[in-house]
């Protein structure tokens, strides 16, 4: 705080310093706002599907979507700046994943491991609707009591559903320090919670 300790030589100097500081803060705020304006905007899972599907169709016309998962942190509305979409080609017997960010493909690669999964139903609800269902049921309570957060959302057919293995479901994973994670399975057609467990 050397400026405050300096002996003022005029009232003009004392007035100009705060104005200069204010101008500097304004410029800094403008630069930060500009940087933030260029940041990728989080989007719901369906928003990136067309880009991924078009790329998968160019790779293999009969490719089907079998898996969706967030590739970046999720926000409170079930959106992320990156989503991954996995497609399977029966004729090629290969799987290829596309990671979408800001409306563009940032990763496109073959899946090394064997991933046998049936195609997803076409009428699946978006990630935001699935999160709303999970939050109403158990998610909000878990976050508030445990200081937890939603870490993963994945869309599959036949996952964690022994009673109805043909059903397409969202599985949401909540995590918190020092407590078991919370798993919530949401019916991707009707938007209802079908199963929850801790593990």
C-alpha atoms as a PDB file:
ATOM      1  CA  UNK A   1       0.000   0.000   0.000  1.00  0.00           C
ATOM      2  CA  UNK A   2       2.838   2.382  -0.797  1.00  0.00           C
ATOM      3  CA  UNK A   3       0.475   4.736  -2.640  1.00  0.00           C
ATOM      4  CA  UNK A   4      -1.454   5.475   0.535  1.00  0.00           C
ATOM      5  CA  UNK A   5       1.740   6.208   2.448  1.00  0.00           C
ATOM      6  CA  UNK A   6       3.119   8.633  -0.142  1.00  0.00           C
ATOM      7  CA  UNK A   7       2.881  12.293   0.826  1.00  0.00           C
ATOM      8  CA  UNK A   8       0.302  13.870  -1.490  1.00  0.00           C
ATOM      9  CA  UNK A   9       1.709  16.638  -3.646  1.00  0.00           C
ATOM     10  CA  UNK A  10      -1.661  17.768  -4.915  1.00  0.00           C
ATOM     11  CA  UNK A  11      -5.316  16.888  -4.699  1.00  0.00           C
ATOM     12  CA  UNK A  12      -5.239  16.183  -8.430  1.00  0.00           C
ATOM     13  CA  UNK A  13      -2.890  13.242  -7.876  1.00  0.00           C
ATOM     14  CA  UNK A  14      -5.116  11.829  -5.162  1.00  0.00           C
ATOM     15  CA  UNK A  15      -8.128  11.947  -7.468  1.00  0.00           C
ATOM     16  CA  UNK A  16      -6.449  10.454 -10.499  1.00  0.00           C
ATOM     17  CA  UNK A  17      -5.138   7.340  -8.756  1.00  0.00           C
ATOM     18  CA  UNK A  18      -8.574   5.926  -7.900  1.00  0.00           C
ATOM     19  CA  UNK A  19      -9.793   6.725 -11.417  1.00  0.00           C
ATOM     20  CA  UNK A  20      -6.820   4.941 -12.941  1.00  0.00           C
ATOM     21  CA  UNK A  21      -7.416   1.953 -10.680  1.00  0.00           C
ATOM     22  CA  UNK A  22     -11.090   1.890 -11.631  1.00  0.00           C
ATOM     23  CA  UNK A  23     -10.187   2.040 -15.315  1.00  0.00           C
ATOM     24  CA  UNK A  24      -7.761  -0.828 -14.849  1.00  0.00           C
ATOM     25  CA  UNK A  25     -10.369  -2.937 -13.070  1.00  0.00           C
ATOM     26  CA  UNK A  26     -12.884  -2.230 -15.813  1.00  0.00           C
ATOM     27  CA  UNK A  27     -10.387  -3.314 -18.474  1.00  0.00           C
ATOM     28  CA  UNK A  28      -9.570  -6.478 -16.516  1.00  0.00           C
ATOM     29  CA  UNK A  29     -13.271  -7.312 -16.126  1.00  0.00           C
ATOM     30  CA  UNK A  30     -13.772  -6.805 -19.850  1.00  0.00           C
ATOM     31  CA  UNK A  31     -10.927  -9.173 -20.668  1.00  0.00           C
ATOM     32  CA  UNK A  32     -12.278 -11.833 -18.302  1.00  0.00           C
ATOM     33  CA  UNK A  33     -15.764 -11.504 -19.795  1.00  0.00           C
ATOM     34  CA  UNK A  34     -14.329 -11.862 -23.305  1.00  0.00           C
ATOM     35  CA  UNK A  35     -12.447 -15.004 -22.294  1.00  0.00           C
ATOM     36  CA  UNK A  36     -15.537 -16.483 -20.726  1.00  0.00           C
ATOM     37  CA  UNK A  37     -17.609 -15.672 -23.797  1.00  0.00           C
ATOM     38  CA  UNK A  38     -15.312 -17.945 -25.806  1.00  0.00           C
ATOM     39  CA  UNK A  39     -15.612 -20.872 -23.406  1.00  0.00           C
ATOM     40  CA  UNK A  40     -17.598 -23.906 -24.638  1.00  0.00           C
ATOM     41  CA  UNK A  41     -21.223 -23.869 -23.518  1.00  0.00           C
ATOM     42  CA  UNK A  42     -22.539 -26.978 -21.721  1.00  0.00           C
ATOM     43  CA  UNK A  43     -25.262 -28.811 -23.625  1.00  0.00           C
ATOM     44  CA  UNK A  44     -27.653 -31.684 -23.009  1.00  0.00           C
ATOM     45  CA  UNK A  45     -26.860 -35.099 -24.447  1.00  0.00           C
ATOM     46  CA  UNK A  46     -29.240 -34.970 -27.411  1.00  0.00           C
ATOM     47  CA  UNK A  47     -27.781 -31.689 -28.670  1.00  0.00           C
ATOM     48  CA  UNK A  48     -24.626 -33.415 -29.897  1.00  0.00           C
ATOM     49  CA  UNK A  49     -26.308 -36.514 -31.282  1.00  0.00           C
ATOM     50  CA  UNK A  50     -26.830 -35.355 -34.879  1.00  0.00           C
ATOM     51  CA  UNK A  51     -23.160 -34.469 -35.345  1.00  0.00           C
ATOM     52  CA  UNK A  52     -22.071 -37.843 -33.987  1.00  0.00           C
ATOM     53  CA  UNK A  53     -24.719 -39.753 -35.941  1.00  0.00           C
ATOM     54  CA  UNK A  54     -23.754 -38.120 -39.245  1.00  0.00           C
ATOM     55  CA  UNK A  55     -20.118 -39.036 -38.679  1.00  0.00           C
ATOM     56  CA  UNK A  56     -21.040 -42.592 -37.727  1.00  0.00           C
ATOM     57  CA  UNK A  57     -23.219 -42.906 -40.844  1.00  0.00           C
ATOM     58  CA  UNK A  58     -20.311 -41.834 -43.028  1.00  0.00           C
ATOM     59  CA  UNK A  59     -18.142 -44.481 -41.349  1.00  0.00           C
ATOM     60  CA  UNK A  60     -20.743 -47.235 -41.574  1.00  0.00           C
ATOM     61  CA  UNK A  61     -24.285 -46.671 -42.925  1.00  0.00           C
ATOM     62  CA  UNK A  62     -25.812 -49.300 -40.636  1.00  0.00           C
ATOM     63  CA  UNK A  63     -24.034 -48.079 -37.466  1.00  0.00           C
ATOM     64  CA  UNK A  64     -26.334 -47.887 -34.436  1.00  0.00           C
ATOM     65  CA  UNK A  65     -26.010 -45.874 -31.239  1.00  0.00           C
ATOM     66  CA  UNK A  66     -25.351 -48.130 -28.254  1.00  0.00           C
ATOM     67  CA  UNK A  67     -23.968 -45.873 -25.513  1.00  0.00           C
ATOM     68  CA  UNK A  68     -23.844 -42.221 -24.376  1.00  0.00           C
ATOM     69  CA  UNK A  69     -21.808 -40.730 -21.511  1.00  0.00           C
ATOM     70  CA  UNK A  70     -20.623 -37.320 -20.375  1.00  0.00           C
ATOM     71  CA  UNK A  71     -16.973 -36.669 -21.255  1.00  0.00           C
ATOM     72  CA  UNK A  72     -16.679 -33.641 -19.005  1.00  0.00           C
ATOM     73  CA  UNK A  73     -18.103 -32.373 -15.729  1.00  0.00           C
ATOM     74  CA  UNK A  74     -21.881 -32.084 -15.472  1.00  0.00           C
ATOM     75  CA  UNK A  75     -23.681 -28.956 -14.346  1.00  0.00           C
ATOM     76  CA  UNK A  76     -26.877 -28.692 -12.322  1.00  0.00           C
ATOM     77  CA  UNK A  77     -29.094 -29.095 -15.364  1.00  0.00           C
ATOM     78  CA  UNK A  78     -27.556 -32.318 -16.674  1.00  0.00           C
ATOM     79  CA  UNK A  79     -25.446 -30.587 -19.314  1.00  0.00           C
ATOM     80  CA  UNK A  80     -21.727 -30.950 -20.066  1.00  0.00           C
ATOM     81  CA  UNK A  81     -19.312 -29.287 -22.457  1.00  0.00           C
ATOM     82  CA  UNK A  82     -18.442 -32.694 -23.940  1.00  0.00           C
ATOM     83  CA  UNK A  83     -20.452 -35.855 -24.536  1.00  0.00           C
ATOM     84  CA  UNK A  84     -19.308 -39.194 -25.926  1.00  0.00           C
ATOM     85  CA  UNK A  85     -21.409 -41.293 -28.337  1.00  0.00           C
ATOM     86  CA  UNK A  86     -20.559 -44.910 -29.086  1.00  0.00           C
ATOM     87  CA  UNK A  87     -21.780 -46.573 -32.283  1.00  0.00           C
ATOM     88  CA  UNK A  88     -21.604 -50.209 -33.334  1.00  0.00           C
ATOM     89  CA  UNK A  89     -21.454 -51.499 -36.910  1.00  0.00           C
ATOM     90  CA  UNK A  90     -22.820 -55.064 -37.252  1.00  0.00           C
ATOM     91  CA  UNK A  91     -21.308 -55.583 -40.711  1.00  0.00           C
ATOM     92  CA  UNK A  92     -17.840 -54.437 -39.620  1.00  0.00           C
ATOM     93  CA  UNK A  93     -18.193 -55.843 -36.105  1.00  0.00           C
ATOM     94  CA  UNK A  94     -16.489 -52.730 -34.793  1.00  0.00           C
ATOM     95  CA  UNK A  95     -17.338 -49.925 -32.402  1.00  0.00           C
ATOM     96  CA  UNK A  96     -16.418 -46.280 -32.902  1.00  0.00           C
ATOM     97  CA  UNK A  97     -16.755 -43.440 -30.413  1.00  0.00           C
ATOM     98  CA  UNK A  98     -17.229 -39.745 -31.135  1.00  0.00           C
ATOM     99  CA  UNK A  99     -16.691 -37.049 -28.516  1.00  0.00           C
ATOM    100  CA  UNK A 100     -18.573 -33.827 -29.273  1.00  0.00           C
ATOM    101  CA  UNK A 101     -17.693 -30.369 -27.955  1.00  0.00           C
ATOM    102  CA  UNK A 102     -19.110 -27.034 -29.130  1.00  0.00           C
ATOM    103  CA  UNK A 103     -20.895 -28.744 -32.000  1.00  0.00           C
ATOM    104  CA  UNK A 104     -17.731 -30.356 -33.336  1.00  0.00           C
ATOM    105  CA  UNK A 105     -16.031 -33.732 -33.138  1.00  0.00           C
ATOM    106  CA  UNK A 106     -12.944 -33.489 -30.950  1.00  0.00           C
ATOM    107  CA  UNK A 107     -12.253 -37.229 -30.716  1.00  0.00           C
ATOM    108  CA  UNK A 108     -13.122 -39.997 -33.187  1.00  0.00           C
ATOM    109  CA  UNK A 109     -11.590 -43.388 -32.581  1.00  0.00           C
ATOM    110  CA  UNK A 110     -12.251 -47.097 -32.554  1.00  0.00           C
ATOM    111  CA  UNK A 111     -12.987 -48.819 -29.287  1.00  0.00           C
ATOM    112  CA  UNK A 112     -10.262 -51.371 -28.600  1.00  0.00           C
ATOM    113  CA  UNK A 113     -12.298 -53.497 -26.240  1.00  0.00           C
ATOM    114  CA  UNK A 114     -15.243 -55.654 -27.260  1.00  0.00           C
ATOM    115  CA  UNK A 115     -18.430 -53.803 -26.364  1.00  0.00           C
ATOM    116  CA  UNK A 116     -21.498 -55.938 -26.949  1.00  0.00           C
ATOM    117  CA  UNK A 117     -24.593 -53.836 -26.368  1.00  0.00           C
ATOM    118  CA  UNK A 118     -27.936 -53.635 -28.182  1.00  0.00           C
ATOM    119  CA  UNK A 119     -28.922 -50.381 -29.902  1.00  0.00           C
ATOM    120  CA  UNK A 120     -30.582 -47.729 -27.788  1.00  0.00           C
ATOM    121  CA  UNK A 121     -34.261 -46.973 -28.127  1.00  0.00           C
ATOM    122  CA  UNK A 122     -34.833 -43.900 -30.266  1.00  0.00           C
ATOM    123  CA  UNK A 123     -37.255 -42.146 -27.907  1.00  0.00           C
ATOM    124  CA  UNK A 124     -34.915 -41.666 -24.935  1.00  0.00           C
ATOM    125  CA  UNK A 125     -35.382 -38.618 -22.756  1.00  0.00           C
ATOM    126  CA  UNK A 126     -32.616 -36.037 -22.633  1.00  0.00           C
ATOM    127  CA  UNK A 127     -30.068 -35.828 -19.840  1.00  0.00           C
ATOM    128  CA  UNK A 128     -31.795 -32.865 -18.202  1.00  0.00           C
ATOM    129  CA  UNK A 129     -35.081 -34.725 -17.819  1.00  0.00           C
ATOM    130  CA  UNK A 130     -33.285 -37.784 -16.440  1.00  0.00           C
ATOM    131  CA  UNK A 131     -31.508 -35.628 -13.872  1.00  0.00           C
ATOM    132  CA  UNK A 132     -34.766 -34.002 -12.795  1.00  0.00           C
ATOM    133  CA  UNK A 133     -36.249 -37.441 -12.095  1.00  0.00           C
ATOM    134  CA  UNK A 134     -33.198 -38.557 -10.118  1.00  0.00           C
ATOM    135  CA  UNK A 135     -33.074 -35.328  -8.119  1.00  0.00           C
ATOM    136  CA  UNK A 136     -36.746 -35.586  -7.135  1.00  0.00           C
ATOM    137  CA  UNK A 137     -36.345 -39.141  -5.952  1.00  0.00           C
ATOM    138  CA  UNK A 138     -33.025 -39.375  -4.089  1.00  0.00           C
ATOM    139  CA  UNK A 139     -30.335 -37.262  -5.738  1.00  0.00           C
ATOM    140  CA  UNK A 140     -31.055 -33.931  -4.073  1.00  0.00           C
ATOM    141  CA  UNK A 141     -31.222 -35.504  -0.622  1.00  0.00           C
ATOM    142  CA  UNK A 142     -27.913 -37.299  -1.175  1.00  0.00           C
ATOM    143  CA  UNK A 143     -26.171 -34.094  -2.274  1.00  0.00           C
ATOM    144  CA  UNK A 144     -27.504 -32.059   0.624  1.00  0.00           C
ATOM    145  CA  UNK A 145     -26.710 -34.605   3.332  1.00  0.00           C
ATOM    146  CA  UNK A 146     -23.371 -35.825   1.996  1.00  0.00           C
ATOM    147  CA  UNK A 147     -22.022 -32.757   0.221  1.00  0.00           C
ATOM    148  CA  UNK A 148     -21.974 -34.859  -2.923  1.00  0.00           C
ATOM    149  CA  UNK A 149     -22.239 -34.120  -6.609  1.00  0.00           C
ATOM    150  CA  UNK A 150     -23.362 -35.761  -9.824  1.00  0.00           C
ATOM    151  CA  UNK A 151     -20.268 -37.188 -11.510  1.00  0.00           C
ATOM    152  CA  UNK A 152     -21.512 -39.457 -14.294  1.00  0.00           C
ATOM    153  CA  UNK A 153     -24.505 -39.946 -16.567  1.00  0.00           C
ATOM    154  CA  UNK A 154     -24.558 -42.881 -18.946  1.00  0.00           C
ATOM    155  CA  UNK A 155     -27.241 -44.114 -21.309  1.00  0.00           C
ATOM    156  CA  UNK A 156     -27.425 -47.817 -22.133  1.00  0.00           C
ATOM    157  CA  UNK A 157     -29.885 -50.534 -22.941  1.00  0.00           C
ATOM    158  CA  UNK A 158     -30.063 -53.440 -20.536  1.00  0.00           C
ATOM    159  CA  UNK A 159     -27.691 -52.003 -17.940  1.00  0.00           C
ATOM    160  CA  UNK A 160     -28.442 -52.651 -14.250  1.00  0.00           C
ATOM    161  CA  UNK A 161     -31.985 -53.753 -15.085  1.00  0.00           C
ATOM    162  CA  UNK A 162     -32.405 -57.439 -14.338  1.00  0.00           C
ATOM    163  CA  UNK A 163     -36.205 -57.286 -14.445  1.00  0.00           C
ATOM    164  CA  UNK A 164     -36.310 -55.583 -17.845  1.00  0.00           C
ATOM    165  CA  UNK A 165     -32.965 -56.067 -19.623  1.00  0.00           C
ATOM    166  CA  UNK A 166     -34.334 -54.696 -22.896  1.00  0.00           C
ATOM    167  CA  UNK A 167     -35.053 -51.276 -21.412  1.00  0.00           C
ATOM    168  CA  UNK A 168     -32.991 -48.204 -22.297  1.00  0.00           C
ATOM    169  CA  UNK A 169     -32.029 -46.406 -19.107  1.00  0.00           C
ATOM    170  CA  UNK A 170     -30.000 -43.508 -17.802  1.00  0.00           C
ATOM    171  CA  UNK A 171     -27.701 -44.411 -14.926  1.00  0.00           C
ATOM    172  CA  UNK A 172     -26.642 -41.472 -12.782  1.00  0.00           C
ATOM    173  CA  UNK A 173     -23.732 -41.758 -10.363  1.00  0.00           C
ATOM    174  CA  UNK A 174     -23.481 -39.376  -7.413  1.00  0.00           C
ATOM    175  CA  UNK A 175     -20.251 -39.245  -5.435  1.00  0.00           C
ATOM    176  CA  UNK A 176     -19.289 -37.700  -2.098  1.00  0.00           C
ATOM    177  CA  UNK A 177     -16.264 -37.826   0.220  1.00  0.00           C
ATOM    178  CA  UNK A 178     -16.065 -40.758   2.625  1.00  0.00           C
ATOM    179  CA  UNK A 179     -19.436 -42.287   1.723  1.00  0.00           C
ATOM    180  CA  UNK A 180     -20.515 -44.909  -0.832  1.00  0.00           C
ATOM    181  CA  UNK A 181     -21.598 -43.561  -4.206  1.00  0.00           C
ATOM    182  CA  UNK A 182     -25.267 -43.371  -5.077  1.00  0.00           C
ATOM    183  CA  UNK A 183     -26.478 -45.040  -8.290  1.00  0.00           C
ATOM    184  CA  UNK A 184     -29.843 -44.056  -9.766  1.00  0.00           C
ATOM    185  CA  UNK A 185     -31.372 -45.826 -12.760  1.00  0.00           C
ATOM    186  CA  UNK A 186     -33.976 -43.828 -14.678  1.00  0.00           C
ATOM    187  CA  UNK A 187     -36.263 -45.268 -17.345  1.00  0.00           C
ATOM    188  CA  UNK A 188     -35.217 -43.382 -20.482  1.00  0.00           C
ATOM    189  CA  UNK A 189     -38.674 -43.662 -22.026  1.00  0.00           C
ATOM    190  CA  UNK A 190     -40.949 -42.735 -19.132  1.00  0.00           C
ATOM    191  CA  UNK A 191     -38.574 -40.689 -16.984  1.00  0.00           C
ATOM    192  CA  UNK A 192     -39.209 -42.716 -13.830  1.00  0.00           C
ATOM    193  CA  UNK A 193     -36.647 -43.942 -11.311  1.00  0.00           C
ATOM    194  CA  UNK A 194     -36.513 -47.741 -11.513  1.00  0.00           C
ATOM    195  CA  UNK A 195     -33.714 -48.576  -9.100  1.00  0.00           C
ATOM    196  CA  UNK A 196     -31.292 -47.025  -6.631  1.00  0.00           C
ATOM    197  CA  UNK A 197     -28.413 -48.456  -4.622  1.00  0.00           C
ATOM    198  CA  UNK A 198     -25.223 -47.460  -2.813  1.00  0.00           C
ATOM    199  CA  UNK A 199     -21.843 -48.852  -3.661  1.00  0.00           C
END
